[in-house]
Amino acid sequence: MTDRDIAKMRPAREAMPAATYARLTGASEVALKLPASTIQAFAEEGEDWRERMADALIEAERKKHAA
């Protein structure tokens, strides 16, 4: 692969149909209604707020199953 080819690459979740990506990764997208203050609290800490919010939810799930 050339640098030009690499520059054209997109993340798999953008390049393939959502259903295919979900099947391959076990991930699925859902819509949540959250208070604006919750989103703002994560967003204030940086551009990766969605990933950090997802990590927080995964950790909550782990704690729930461990209890």
PDB file of N, CA and C in Angstrom:
ATOM      1  N   MET A   1       0.832  -1.174   0.000  1.00  0.00           N
ATOM      2  CA  MET A   1       0.000   0.000   0.000  1.00  0.00           C
ATOM      3  C   MET A   1       0.886   1.251   0.000  1.00  0.00           C
ATOM      4  N   THR A   2       0.418   2.218  -0.724  1.00  0.00           N
ATOM      5  CA  THR A   2       1.158   3.475  -0.766  1.00  0.00           C
ATOM      6  C   THR A   2       0.593   4.439   0.273  1.00  0.00           C
ATOM      7  N   ASP A   3       1.329   5.526   0.531  1.00  0.00           N
ATOM      8  CA  ASP A   3       0.825   6.557   1.441  1.00  0.00           C
ATOM      9  C   ASP A   3      -0.496   7.128   0.929  1.00  0.00           C
ATOM     10  N   ARG A   4      -0.595   7.216  -0.382  1.00  0.00           N
ATOM     11  CA  ARG A   4      -1.832   7.735  -0.987  1.00  0.00           C
ATOM     12  C   ARG A   4      -3.007   6.802  -0.704  1.00  0.00           C
ATOM     13  N   ASP A   5      -2.767   5.486  -0.826  1.00  0.00           N
ATOM     14  CA  ASP A   5      -3.811   4.502  -0.521  1.00  0.00           C
ATOM     15  C   ASP A   5      -4.228   4.605   0.945  1.00  0.00           C
ATOM     16  N   ILE A   6      -3.266   4.722   1.822  1.00  0.00           N
ATOM     17  CA  ILE A   6      -3.548   4.801   3.254  1.00  0.00           C
ATOM     18  C   ILE A   6      -4.346   6.064   3.572  1.00  0.00           C
ATOM     19  N   ALA A   7      -4.016   7.147   2.920  1.00  0.00           N
ATOM     20  CA  ALA A   7      -4.723   8.406   3.152  1.00  0.00           C
ATOM     21  C   ALA A   7      -6.197   8.317   2.764  1.00  0.00           C
ATOM     22  N   LYS A   8      -6.519   7.451   1.813  1.00  0.00           N
ATOM     23  CA  LYS A   8      -7.895   7.281   1.351  1.00  0.00           C
ATOM     24  C   LYS A   8      -8.711   6.358   2.255  1.00  0.00           C
ATOM     25  N   MET A   9      -8.047   5.631   3.133  1.00  0.00           N
ATOM     26  CA  MET A   9      -8.742   4.638   3.958  1.00  0.00           C
ATOM     27  C   MET A   9      -9.705   5.303   4.935  1.00  0.00           C
ATOM     28  N   ARG A  10     -10.780   4.580   5.225  1.00  0.00           N
ATOM     29  CA  ARG A  10     -11.779   5.029   6.197  1.00  0.00           C
ATOM     30  C   ARG A  10     -11.932   3.942   7.248  1.00  0.00           C
ATOM     31  N   PRO A  11     -12.400   4.305   8.433  1.00  0.00           N
ATOM     32  CA  PRO A  11     -12.650   3.281   9.452  1.00  0.00           C
ATOM     33  C   PRO A  11     -13.682   2.273   8.944  1.00  0.00           C
ATOM     34  N   ALA A  12     -13.545   1.046   9.367  1.00  0.00           N
ATOM     35  CA  ALA A  12     -14.455  -0.011   8.909  1.00  0.00           C
ATOM     36  C   ALA A  12     -15.910   0.350   9.175  1.00  0.00           C
ATOM     37  N   ARG A  13     -16.189   0.978  10.331  1.00  0.00           N
ATOM     38  CA  ARG A  13     -17.582   1.301  10.653  1.00  0.00           C
ATOM     39  C   ARG A  13     -18.179   2.309   9.682  1.00  0.00           C
ATOM     40  N   GLU A  14     -17.325   3.066   8.974  1.00  0.00           N
ATOM     41  CA  GLU A  14     -17.815   4.009   7.966  1.00  0.00           C
ATOM     42  C   GLU A  14     -17.859   3.376   6.581  1.00  0.00           C
ATOM     43  N   ALA A  15     -17.021   2.394   6.342  1.00  0.00           N
ATOM     44  CA  ALA A  15     -16.880   1.837   5.001  1.00  0.00           C
ATOM     45  C   ALA A  15     -17.848   0.695   4.712  1.00  0.00           C
ATOM     46  N   MET A  16     -18.356   0.043   5.737  1.00  0.00           N
ATOM     47  CA  MET A  16     -19.247  -1.094   5.486  1.00  0.00           C
ATOM     48  C   MET A  16     -20.630  -0.810   6.068  1.00  0.00           C
ATOM     49  N   PRO A  17     -21.618  -1.543   5.592  1.00  0.00           N
ATOM     50  CA  PRO A  17     -22.971  -1.352   6.132  1.00  0.00           C
ATOM     51  C   PRO A  17     -22.984  -1.573   7.645  1.00  0.00           C
ATOM     52  N   ALA A  18     -23.811  -0.802   8.341  1.00  0.00           N
ATOM     53  CA  ALA A  18     -23.867  -0.867   9.806  1.00  0.00           C
ATOM     54  C   ALA A  18     -24.168  -2.279  10.305  1.00  0.00           C
ATOM     55  N   ALA A  19     -25.063  -2.987   9.639  1.00  0.00           N
ATOM     56  CA  ALA A  19     -25.416  -4.339  10.078  1.00  0.00           C
ATOM     57  C   ALA A  19     -24.222  -5.283   9.960  1.00  0.00           C
ATOM     58  N   THR A  20     -23.457  -5.153   8.906  1.00  0.00           N
ATOM     59  CA  THR A  20     -22.269  -5.991   8.716  1.00  0.00           C
ATOM     60  C   THR A  20     -21.236  -5.685   9.785  1.00  0.00           C
ATOM     61  N   TYR A  21     -20.990  -4.403  10.028  1.00  0.00           N
ATOM     62  CA  TYR A  21     -20.025  -4.008  11.057  1.00  0.00           C
ATOM     63  C   TYR A  21     -20.455  -4.540  12.420  1.00  0.00           C
ATOM     64  N   ALA A  22     -21.732  -4.419  12.731  1.00  0.00           N
ATOM     65  CA  ALA A  22     -22.243  -4.901  14.014  1.00  0.00           C
ATOM     66  C   ALA A  22     -22.055  -6.409  14.145  1.00  0.00           C
ATOM     67  N   ARG A  23     -22.336  -7.147  13.076  1.00  0.00           N
ATOM     68  CA  ARG A  23     -22.154  -8.606  13.113  1.00  0.00           C
ATOM     69  C   ARG A  23     -20.699  -8.973  13.329  1.00  0.00           C
ATOM     70  N   LEU A  24     -19.787  -8.262  12.677  1.00  0.00           N
ATOM     71  CA  LEU A  24     -18.368  -8.581  12.766  1.00  0.00           C
ATOM     72  C   LEU A  24     -17.731  -8.159  14.084  1.00  0.00           C
ATOM     73  N   THR A  25     -18.229  -7.104  14.674  1.00  0.00           N
ATOM     74  CA  THR A  25     -17.606  -6.578  15.884  1.00  0.00           C
ATOM     75  C   THR A  25     -18.416  -6.815  17.146  1.00  0.00           C
ATOM     76  N   GLY A  26     -19.652  -7.223  16.993  1.00  0.00           N
ATOM     77  CA  GLY A  26     -20.512  -7.377  18.155  1.00  0.00           C
ATOM     78  C   GLY A  26     -21.029  -6.034  18.643  1.00  0.00           C
ATOM     79  N   ALA A  27     -20.745  -4.974  17.902  1.00  0.00           N
ATOM     80  CA  ALA A  27     -21.191  -3.638  18.286  1.00  0.00           C
ATOM     81  C   ALA A  27     -22.465  -3.286  17.541  1.00  0.00           C
ATOM     82  N   SER A  28     -23.284  -2.495  18.173  1.00  0.00           N
ATOM     83  CA  SER A  28     -24.459  -1.980  17.483  1.00  0.00           C
ATOM     84  C   SER A  28     -24.679  -0.544  17.923  1.00  0.00           C
ATOM     85  N   GLU A  29     -25.288   0.206  17.046  1.00  0.00           N
ATOM     86  CA  GLU A  29     -25.555   1.602  17.356  1.00  0.00           C
ATOM     87  C   GLU A  29     -26.992   1.731  17.816  1.00  0.00           C
ATOM     88  N   VAL A  30     -27.166   2.504  18.864  1.00  0.00           N
ATOM     89  CA  VAL A  30     -28.494   2.796  19.374  1.00  0.00           C
ATOM     90  C   VAL A  30     -28.578   4.292  19.645  1.00  0.00           C
ATOM     91  N   ALA A  31     -29.769   4.780  19.722  1.00  0.00           N
ATOM     92  CA  ALA A  31     -29.978   6.176  20.084  1.00  0.00           C
ATOM     93  C   ALA A  31     -30.404   6.227  21.540  1.00  0.00           C
ATOM     94  N   LEU A  32     -29.812   7.141  22.285  1.00  0.00           N
ATOM     95  CA  LEU A  32     -30.165   7.328  23.683  1.00  0.00           C
ATOM     96  C   LEU A  32     -30.607   8.758  23.895  1.00  0.00           C
ATOM     97  N   LYS A  33     -31.581   8.929  24.747  1.00  0.00           N
ATOM     98  CA  LYS A  33     -31.961  10.282  25.152  1.00  0.00           C
ATOM     99  C   LYS A  33     -31.273  10.526  26.490  1.00  0.00           C
ATOM    100  N   LEU A  34     -30.325  11.447  26.475  1.00  0.00           N
ATOM    101  CA  LEU A  34     -29.566  11.778  27.673  1.00  0.00           C
ATOM    102  C   LEU A  34     -29.712  13.256  27.967  1.00  0.00           C
ATOM    103  N   PRO A  35     -29.612  13.621  29.235  1.00  0.00           N
ATOM    104  CA  PRO A  35     -29.651  15.047  29.556  1.00  0.00           C
ATOM    105  C   PRO A  35     -28.493  15.777  28.871  1.00  0.00           C
ATOM    106  N   ALA A  36     -28.767  16.973  28.404  1.00  0.00           N
ATOM    107  CA  ALA A  36     -27.728  17.764  27.746  1.00  0.00           C
ATOM    108  C   ALA A  36     -26.537  17.971  28.668  1.00  0.00           C
ATOM    109  N   SER A  37     -26.788  18.098  29.963  1.00  0.00           N
ATOM    110  CA  SER A  37     -25.689  18.311  30.911  1.00  0.00           C
ATOM    111  C   SER A  37     -24.750  17.112  30.970  1.00  0.00           C
ATOM    112  N   THR A  38     -25.280  15.909  30.775  1.00  0.00           N
ATOM    113  CA  THR A  38     -24.443  14.708  30.774  1.00  0.00           C
ATOM    114  C   THR A  38     -23.522  14.716  29.564  1.00  0.00           C
ATOM    115  N   ILE A  39     -24.078  14.999  28.411  1.00  0.00           N
ATOM    116  CA  ILE A  39     -23.272  15.052  27.192  1.00  0.00           C
ATOM    117  C   ILE A  39     -22.249  16.175  27.296  1.00  0.00           C
ATOM    118  N   GLN A  40     -22.665  17.314  27.795  1.00  0.00           N
ATOM    119  CA  GLN A  40     -21.760  18.446  27.921  1.00  0.00           C
ATOM    120  C   GLN A  40     -20.589  18.114  28.844  1.00  0.00           C
ATOM    121  N   ALA A  41     -20.850  17.403  29.932  1.00  0.00           N
ATOM    122  CA  ALA A  41     -19.787  17.048  30.871  1.00  0.00           C
ATOM    123  C   ALA A  41     -18.714  16.203  30.186  1.00  0.00           C
ATOM    124  N   PHE A  42     -19.112  15.277  29.322  1.00  0.00           N
ATOM    125  CA  PHE A  42     -18.146  14.461  28.595  1.00  0.00           C
ATOM    126  C   PHE A  42     -17.483  15.281  27.489  1.00  0.00           C
ATOM    127  N   ALA A  43     -18.272  16.074  26.765  1.00  0.00           N
ATOM    128  CA  ALA A  43     -17.754  16.830  25.632  1.00  0.00           C
ATOM    129  C   ALA A  43     -16.731  17.881  26.065  1.00  0.00           C
ATOM    130  N   GLU A  44     -16.885  18.420  27.262  1.00  0.00           N
ATOM    131  CA  GLU A  44     -15.942  19.429  27.753  1.00  0.00           C
ATOM    132  C   GLU A  44     -14.530  18.877  27.930  1.00  0.00           C
ATOM    133  N   GLU A  45     -14.427  17.561  28.057  1.00  0.00           N
ATOM    134  CA  GLU A  45     -13.123  16.938  28.294  1.00  0.00           C
ATOM    135  C   GLU A  45     -12.386  16.566  27.009  1.00  0.00           C
ATOM    136  N   GLY A  46     -12.991  16.785  25.862  1.00  0.00           N
ATOM    137  CA  GLY A  46     -12.285  16.519  24.616  1.00  0.00           C
ATOM    138  C   GLY A  46     -13.139  15.906  23.539  1.00  0.00           C
ATOM    139  N   GLU A  47     -12.553  15.870  22.348  1.00  0.00           N
ATOM    140  CA  GLU A  47     -13.251  15.396  21.151  1.00  0.00           C
ATOM    141  C   GLU A  47     -13.630  13.916  21.210  1.00  0.00           C
ATOM    142  N   ASP A  48     -12.937  13.147  22.030  1.00  0.00           N
ATOM    143  CA  ASP A  48     -13.208  11.709  22.111  1.00  0.00           C
ATOM    144  C   ASP A  48     -14.312  11.388  23.117  1.00  0.00           C
ATOM    145  N   TRP A  49     -15.218  12.330  23.337  1.00  0.00           N
ATOM    146  CA  TRP A  49     -16.231  12.159  24.382  1.00  0.00           C
ATOM    147  C   TRP A  49     -17.133  10.958  24.129  1.00  0.00           C
ATOM    148  N   ARG A  50     -17.412  10.643  22.877  1.00  0.00           N
ATOM    149  CA  ARG A  50     -18.286   9.494  22.594  1.00  0.00           C
ATOM    150  C   ARG A  50     -17.627   8.187  23.039  1.00  0.00           C
ATOM    151  N   GLU A  51     -16.347   8.057  22.750  1.00  0.00           N
ATOM    152  CA  GLU A  51     -15.633   6.844  23.152  1.00  0.00           C
ATOM    153  C   GLU A  51     -15.553   6.746  24.673  1.00  0.00           C
ATOM    154  N   ARG A  52     -15.295   7.879  25.337  1.00  0.00           N
ATOM    155  CA  ARG A  52     -15.221   7.870  26.798  1.00  0.00           C
ATOM    156  C   ARG A  52     -16.579   7.563  27.421  1.00  0.00           C
ATOM    157  N   MET A  53     -17.644   8.061  26.816  1.00  0.00           N
ATOM    158  CA  MET A  53     -18.978   7.755  27.320  1.00  0.00           C
ATOM    159  C   MET A  53     -19.283   6.273  27.135  1.00  0.00           C
ATOM    160  N   ALA A  54     -18.914   5.733  25.988  1.00  0.00           N
ATOM    161  CA  ALA A  54     -19.112   4.300  25.750  1.00  0.00           C
ATOM    162  C   ALA A  54     -18.319   3.484  26.767  1.00  0.00           C
ATOM    163  N   ASP A  55     -17.078   3.895  27.040  1.00  0.00           N
ATOM    164  CA  ASP A  55     -16.263   3.195  28.039  1.00  0.00           C
ATOM    165  C   ASP A  55     -16.911   3.242  29.416  1.00  0.00           C
ATOM    166  N   ALA A  56     -17.491   4.388  29.775  1.00  0.00           N
ATOM    167  CA  ALA A  56     -18.164   4.522  31.074  1.00  0.00           C
ATOM    168  C   ALA A  56     -19.362   3.582  31.161  1.00  0.00           C
ATOM    169  N   LEU A  57     -20.100   3.442  30.068  1.00  0.00           N
ATOM    170  CA  LEU A  57     -21.247   2.535  30.056  1.00  0.00           C
ATOM    171  C   LEU A  57     -20.806   1.077  30.129  1.00  0.00           C
ATOM    172  N   ILE A  58     -19.718   0.739  29.450  1.00  0.00           N
ATOM    173  CA  ILE A  58     -19.182  -0.622  29.506  1.00  0.00           C
ATOM    174  C   ILE A  58     -18.741  -0.952  30.928  1.00  0.00           C
ATOM    175  N   GLU A  59     -18.086   0.008  31.585  1.00  0.00           N
ATOM    176  CA  GLU A  59     -17.653  -0.200  32.970  1.00  0.00           C
ATOM    177  C   GLU A  59     -18.851  -0.377  33.899  1.00  0.00           C
ATOM    178  N   ALA A  60     -19.908   0.401  33.687  1.00  0.00           N
ATOM    179  CA  ALA A  60     -21.118   0.250  34.483  1.00  0.00           C
ATOM    180  C   ALA A  60     -21.725  -1.136  34.293  1.00  0.00           C
ATOM    181  N   GLU A  61     -21.696  -1.625  33.056  1.00  0.00           N
ATOM    182  CA  GLU A  61     -22.215  -2.968  32.782  1.00  0.00           C
ATOM    183  C   GLU A  61     -21.400  -4.013  33.533  1.00  0.00           C
ATOM    184  N   ARG A  62     -20.067  -3.888  33.504  1.00  0.00           N
ATOM    185  CA  ARG A  62     -19.200  -4.840  34.206  1.00  0.00           C
ATOM    186  C   ARG A  62     -19.500  -4.854  35.702  1.00  0.00           C
ATOM    187  N   LYS A  63     -19.655  -3.667  36.273  1.00  0.00           N
ATOM    188  CA  LYS A  63     -19.952  -3.569  37.713  1.00  0.00           C
ATOM    189  C   LYS A  63     -21.290  -4.207  38.037  1.00  0.00           C
ATOM    190  N   LYS A  64     -22.259  -4.003  37.158  1.00  0.00           N
ATOM    191  CA  LYS A  64     -23.598  -4.574  37.376  1.00  0.00           C
ATOM    192  C   LYS A  64     -23.528  -6.100  37.373  1.00  0.00           C
ATOM    193  N   HIS A  65     -22.778  -6.658  36.441  1.00  0.00           N
ATOM    194  CA  HIS A  65     -22.685  -8.119  36.355  1.00  0.00           C
ATOM    195  C   HIS A  65     -21.833  -8.701  37.479  1.00  0.00           C
ATOM    196  N   ALA A  66     -20.919  -7.907  38.011  1.00  0.00           N
ATOM    197  CA  ALA A  66     -20.045  -8.384  39.096  1.00  0.00           C
ATOM    198  C   ALA A  66     -20.783  -8.362  40.436  1.00  0.00           C
ATOM    199  N   ALA A  67     -21.839  -7.565  40.522  1.00  0.00           N
ATOM    200  CA  ALA A  67     -22.557  -7.423  41.804  1.00  0.00           C
ATOM    201  C   ALA A  67     -23.415  -8.631  42.120  1.00  0.00           C
TER     202      ALA A  67
END
